[in-house]
C-alpha atoms as a PDB file:
ATOM      1  CA  MET A   1      16.960  -5.498  16.213  1.00  0.00           C
ATOM      2  CA  LEU A   2      18.216  -2.570  18.277  1.00  0.00           C
ATOM      3  CA  LEU A   3      15.970  -0.276  16.224  1.00  0.00           C
ATOM      4  CA  LEU A   4      12.896  -2.222  17.350  1.00  0.00           C
ATOM      5  CA  ILE A   5      13.976  -2.357  20.985  1.00  0.00           C
ATOM      6  CA  LEU A   6      14.493   1.410  21.005  1.00  0.00           C
ATOM      7  CA  LYS A   7      10.977   1.807  19.575  1.00  0.00           C
ATOM      8  CA  GLY A   8       9.560  -0.243  22.474  1.00  0.00           C
ATOM      9  CA  TYR A   9       9.159  -3.615  20.751  1.00  0.00           C
ATOM     10  CA  ARG A  10       9.687  -6.834  22.714  1.00  0.00           C
ATOM     11  CA  ILE A  11      11.597  -9.431  20.692  1.00  0.00           C
ATOM     12  CA  VAL A  12       9.935 -12.858  20.849  1.00  0.00           C
ATOM     13  CA  GLY A  13      12.209 -14.723  18.435  1.00  0.00           C
ATOM     14  CA  ARG A  14      15.080 -14.357  15.971  1.00  0.00           C
ATOM     15  CA  ARG A  15      15.591 -16.553  12.918  1.00  0.00           C
ATOM     16  CA  VAL A  16      12.591 -18.685  13.883  1.00  0.00           C
ATOM     17  CA  ARG A  17      12.458 -21.827  11.744  1.00  0.00           C
ATOM     18  CA  THR A  18       9.361 -23.815  10.924  1.00  0.00           C
ATOM     19  CA  HIS A  19       8.872 -26.542   8.339  1.00  0.00           C
ATOM     20  CA  ALA A  20       7.287 -23.857   6.111  1.00  0.00           C
ATOM     21  CA  GLY A  21      10.260 -21.479   6.266  1.00  0.00           C
ATOM     22  CA  GLU A  22      12.198 -19.037   8.394  1.00  0.00           C
ATOM     23  CA  ILE A  23      11.059 -15.766   9.947  1.00  0.00           C
ATOM     24  CA  ASP A  24      13.821 -13.232  10.609  1.00  0.00           C
ATOM     25  CA  LEU A  25      12.255 -11.568  13.659  1.00  0.00           C
ATOM     26  CA  ILE A  26       9.086 -11.911  15.672  1.00  0.00           C
ATOM     27  CA  ALA A  27       8.253  -9.128  18.101  1.00  0.00           C
ATOM     28  CA  HIS A  28       5.405  -7.617  20.072  1.00  0.00           C
ATOM     29  CA  SER A  29       4.799  -3.971  19.214  1.00  0.00           C
ATOM     30  CA  PRO A  30       4.303  -1.453  22.024  1.00  0.00           C
ATOM     31  CA  ARG A  31       0.531  -1.822  21.376  1.00  0.00           C
ATOM     32  CA  GLY A  32       0.744  -5.610  21.786  1.00  0.00           C
ATOM     33  CA  ILE A  33       0.472  -6.569  18.100  1.00  0.00           C
ATOM     34  CA  LEU A  34       2.527  -9.621  17.127  1.00  0.00           C
ATOM     35  CA  CYS A  35       4.802  -8.590  14.230  1.00  0.00           C
ATOM     36  CA  PHE A  36       6.500 -10.961  11.804  1.00  0.00           C
ATOM     37  CA  ILE A  37       9.460  -9.010  10.448  1.00  0.00           C
ATOM     38  CA  GLU A  38      11.579  -9.686   7.369  1.00  0.00           C
ATOM     39  CA  VAL A  39      14.957  -7.929   7.250  1.00  0.00           C
ATOM     40  CA  LYS A  40      16.314  -7.048   3.809  1.00  0.00           C
ATOM     41  CA  ALA A  41      19.810  -5.626   3.264  1.00  0.00           C
ATOM     42  CA  ARG A  42      21.001  -4.430  -0.133  1.00  0.00           C
ATOM     43  CA  GLU A  43      23.392  -1.831  -1.468  1.00  0.00           C
ATOM     44  CA  SER A  44      20.652   0.674  -2.230  1.00  0.00           C
ATOM     45  CA  HIS A  45      17.482   1.435  -0.320  1.00  0.00           C
ATOM     46  CA  ARG A  46      15.325   0.805  -3.388  1.00  0.00           C
ATOM     47  CA  ASP A  47      16.956  -2.599  -4.063  1.00  0.00           C
ATOM     48  CA  ALA A  48      16.324  -3.605  -0.463  1.00  0.00           C
ATOM     49  CA  GLN A  49      12.642  -2.662  -0.721  1.00  0.00           C
ATOM     50  CA  GLU A  50      12.205  -4.571  -3.973  1.00  0.00           C
ATOM     51  CA  ALA A  51      14.028  -7.669  -2.692  1.00  0.00           C
ATOM     52  CA  LEU A  52      10.960  -9.039  -0.903  1.00  0.00           C
ATOM     53  CA  LEU A  53       9.305 -10.955  -3.727  1.00  0.00           C
ATOM     54  CA  PRO A  54       5.726 -12.292  -3.647  1.00  0.00           C
ATOM     55  CA  ARG A  55       7.034 -15.859  -3.350  1.00  0.00           C
ATOM     56  CA  GLN A  56       9.031 -14.907  -0.245  1.00  0.00           C
ATOM     57  CA  ARG A  57       5.994 -13.179   1.239  1.00  0.00           C
ATOM     58  CA  GLU A  58       3.970 -16.371   0.748  1.00  0.00           C
ATOM     59  CA  ARG A  59       6.690 -18.430   2.447  1.00  0.00           C
ATOM     60  CA  ILE A  60       6.878 -16.050   5.405  1.00  0.00           C
ATOM     61  CA  SER A  61       3.074 -16.048   5.686  1.00  0.00           C
ATOM     62  CA  ARG A  62       2.985 -19.861   5.753  1.00  0.00           C
ATOM     63  CA  ALA A  63       5.766 -19.932   8.349  1.00  0.00           C
ATOM     64  CA  ALA A  64       3.775 -17.426  10.445  1.00  0.00           C
ATOM     65  CA  GLU A  65       0.676 -19.635  10.226  1.00  0.00           C
ATOM     66  CA  VAL A  66       2.679 -22.636  11.456  1.00  0.00           C
ATOM     67  CA  PHE A  67       4.231 -20.562  14.238  1.00  0.00           C
ATOM     68  CA  LEU A  68       0.838 -19.238  15.359  1.00  0.00           C
ATOM     69  CA  ALA A  69      -0.637 -22.742  15.374  1.00  0.00           C
ATOM     70  CA  GLN A  70       2.068 -23.741  17.853  1.00  0.00           C
ATOM     71  CA  GLN A  71       2.130 -20.502  19.894  1.00  0.00           C
ATOM     72  CA  ARG A  72      -1.480 -19.264  20.099  1.00  0.00           C
ATOM     73  CA  ARG A  73      -0.840 -17.679  23.505  1.00  0.00           C
ATOM     74  CA  LEU A  74       1.349 -14.997  21.871  1.00  0.00           C
ATOM     75  CA  VAL A  75      -1.503 -13.498  19.846  1.00  0.00           C
ATOM     76  CA  SER A  76      -3.477 -11.131  21.986  1.00  0.00           C
ATOM     77  CA  LYS A  77      -4.107  -8.023  19.891  1.00  0.00           C
ATOM     78  CA  GLY A  78      -3.583  -9.203  16.327  1.00  0.00           C
ATOM     79  CA  ILE A  79      -0.747  -9.716  13.877  1.00  0.00           C
ATOM     80  CA  ARG A  80       1.145  -7.674  11.317  1.00  0.00           C
ATOM     81  CA  PHE A  81       3.827  -8.278   8.670  1.00  0.00           C
ATOM     82  CA  ASP A  82       6.626  -5.706   8.688  1.00  0.00           C
ATOM     83  CA  THR A  83       9.913  -5.202   6.867  1.00  0.00           C
ATOM     84  CA  ILE A  84      13.167  -3.630   7.985  1.00  0.00           C
ATOM     85  CA  VAL A  85      15.142  -2.221   5.063  1.00  0.00           C
ATOM     86  CA  VAL A  86      18.902  -1.866   5.536  1.00  0.00           C
ATOM     87  CA  SER A  87      21.009  -0.166   2.870  1.00  0.00           C
ATOM     88  CA  GLY A  88      24.502   1.270   2.646  1.00  0.00           C
ATOM     89  CA  ARG A  89      25.268   3.923   5.196  1.00  0.00           C
ATOM     90  CA  ARG A  90      21.666   4.863   5.893  1.00  0.00           C
ATOM     91  CA  TRP A  91      19.736   4.161   9.056  1.00  0.00           C
ATOM     92  CA  PRO A  92      17.515   1.068   8.863  1.00  0.00           C
ATOM     93  CA  VAL A  93      13.915   1.831   7.914  1.00  0.00           C
ATOM     94  CA  HIS A  94      11.068   0.000   9.639  1.00  0.00           C
ATOM     95  CA  VAL A  95       8.100  -0.429   7.285  1.00  0.00           C
ATOM     96  CA  ARG A  96       5.025  -1.249   9.378  1.00  0.00           C
ATOM     97  CA  ASP A  97       2.304  -3.390   7.821  1.00  0.00           C
ATOM     98  CA  ALA A  98       4.473  -3.868   4.714  1.00  0.00           C
ATOM     99  CA  TRP A  99       2.191  -6.517   3.210  1.00  0.00           C
ATOM    100  CA  ARG A 100      -0.788  -8.713   3.920  1.00  0.00           C
ATOM    101  CA  PRO A 101      -0.767 -12.456   3.287  1.00  0.00           C
ATOM    102  CA  ARG A 102      -2.630 -14.011   0.390  1.00  0.00           C
ATOM    103  CA  SER A 103      -2.507 -17.639   1.542  1.00  0.00           C
ATOM    104  CA  SER A 104      -5.391 -19.219   3.448  1.00  0.00           C
ATOM    105  CA  TRP A 105      -5.804 -15.952   5.379  1.00  0.00           C
ATOM    106  CA  GLY A 106      -6.730 -14.341   2.061  1.00  0.00           C
ATOM    107  CA  ASN A 107      -9.885 -16.477   1.955  1.00  0.00           C
ATOM    108  CA  VAL A 108     -11.134 -14.647   5.021  1.00  0.00           C
ATOM    109  CA  ARG A 109     -10.700 -11.282   3.284  1.00  0.00           C
ATOM    110  CA  THR A 110     -12.950 -12.301   0.426  1.00  0.00           C
ATOM    111  CA  GLN A 111     -15.913 -12.676   2.738  1.00  0.00           C
ATOM    112  CA  LYS A 112     -18.420  -9.822   3.038  1.00  0.00           C
ATOM    113  CA  ARG A 113     -17.001  -8.596   6.309  1.00  0.00           C
ATOM    114  CA  ARG A 114     -13.621  -6.929   6.163  1.00  0.00           C
ATOM    115  CA  LEU A 115     -10.812  -8.454   8.206  1.00  0.00           C
ATOM    116  CA  ASN A 116      -9.004  -6.123  10.586  1.00  0.00           C
ATOM    117  CA  TRP A 117      -5.430  -7.422  10.490  1.00  0.00           C
ATOM    118  CA  GLU A 118      -4.563  -5.820  13.790  1.00  0.00           C
ATOM    119  CA  HIS A 119      -7.435  -7.763  15.397  1.00  0.00           C
ATOM    120  CA  PRO A 120      -7.819 -11.120  13.578  1.00  0.00           C
ATOM    121  CA  PRO A 121     -10.753 -13.383  14.451  1.00  0.00           C
ATOM    122  CA  TRP A 122      -8.730 -15.971  16.359  1.00  0.00           C
END
């Protein structure tokens, strides 16, 4: 969390629970983008990166949808899904825009117009 604060992020929530799942961190980026952040810690950097499975991404995406339905006022300049990878004695690595959801948001991407994830239509 300190890493994000030092980068200018404003923490909105930690370990946010919804009926769809838990989100490790929610923060506004310095540009105002609402970021849903999953933190993964493993012994090696590679193991930490690979630990975020597609099923977990789906769960986090659903939890984000539920959160946004309840907190629409927080979305001003779009959303993004990030990961923070923590391993051994290395500094944490912040991976911006680590993945894009495939749930009901994926239906919007299949339309002719391309969805800009940093500026969603809502």
